[in-house]
Protein backbone atom coordinates (compact mmCIF):
# COMPACT_ATOMS: atom_id res chain seq x y z
CA MET A 1 -21.03 2.69 -6.49
CA SER A 2 -19.92 -1.37 -7.01
CA GLU A 3 -18.32 -3.05 -4.01
CA LEU A 4 -15.48 -4.36 -3.98
CA VAL A 5 -15.85 -8.09 -2.73
CA CYS A 6 -12.26 -9.21 -3.36
CA TYR A 7 -9.03 -6.35 -2.48
CA CYS A 8 -6.90 -9.04 -3.95
CA PHE A 9 -7.41 -8.94 -7.23
CA GLY A 10 -9.93 -5.84 -6.97
CA TYR A 11 -13.42 -7.39 -8.54
CA THR A 12 -16.34 -5.84 -6.94
CA SER A 13 -19.81 -6.49 -7.39
CA ASP A 14 -20.14 -4.93 -10.76
CA ASP A 15 -17.55 -7.26 -12.41
CA ILE A 16 -20.14 -10.36 -10.71
CA GLU A 17 -22.42 -9.01 -12.27
CA GLN A 18 -21.27 -8.53 -15.58
CA ASP A 19 -19.85 -12.09 -16.21
CA VAL A 20 -22.79 -13.95 -14.87
CA ILE A 21 -24.68 -11.18 -18.35
CA GLN A 22 -21.63 -12.47 -20.88
CA LYS A 23 -21.08 -16.27 -19.33
CA GLY A 24 -24.21 -17.17 -18.17
CA LYS A 25 -22.47 -17.32 -14.75
CA SER A 26 -19.48 -16.08 -12.64
CA THR A 27 -16.33 -17.73 -13.15
CA ILE A 28 -14.49 -14.60 -10.50
CA PHE A 29 -14.71 -17.19 -7.87
CA GLU A 30 -12.61 -20.50 -9.10
CA ARG A 31 -10.53 -17.88 -11.13
CA ILE A 32 -9.59 -16.15 -7.34
CA MET A 33 -9.25 -19.85 -6.20
CA ASN A 34 -6.47 -20.28 -9.03
CA GLU A 35 -4.85 -17.67 -7.83
CA LYS A 36 -5.15 -18.71 -4.71
CA LYS A 37 -3.49 -22.09 -5.27
CA ALA A 38 -0.52 -20.51 -6.85
CA GLY A 39 0.60 -18.63 -4.45
CA GLY A 40 -1.16 -15.23 -5.85
CA CYS A 41 -3.71 -14.16 -2.72
CA GLN A 42 -2.31 -11.09 -0.56
CA CYS A 43 -5.10 -11.21 1.32
CA ALA A 44 -3.73 -11.05 4.61
CA GLU A 45 -1.96 -7.23 3.37
CA LYS A 46 -4.94 -6.05 1.23
CA ASN A 47 -8.37 -6.32 2.95
CA PRO A 48 -9.04 -4.50 5.32
CA LYS A 49 -10.23 -7.67 7.32
CA GLY A 50 -6.76 -9.29 6.67
CA ARG A 51 -8.60 -12.67 4.99
């Protein structure tokens, strides 16, 4: 079972692994940061740790 690493956008550890396999590196962190800058982050509501 893959661990959920991003509660806002639903990314899992498997998603990151597949991203690296397909692209040679993971671009998921960059996507998360861009969404966060655009106001799309809901970590305080969705993440049980509130971050």
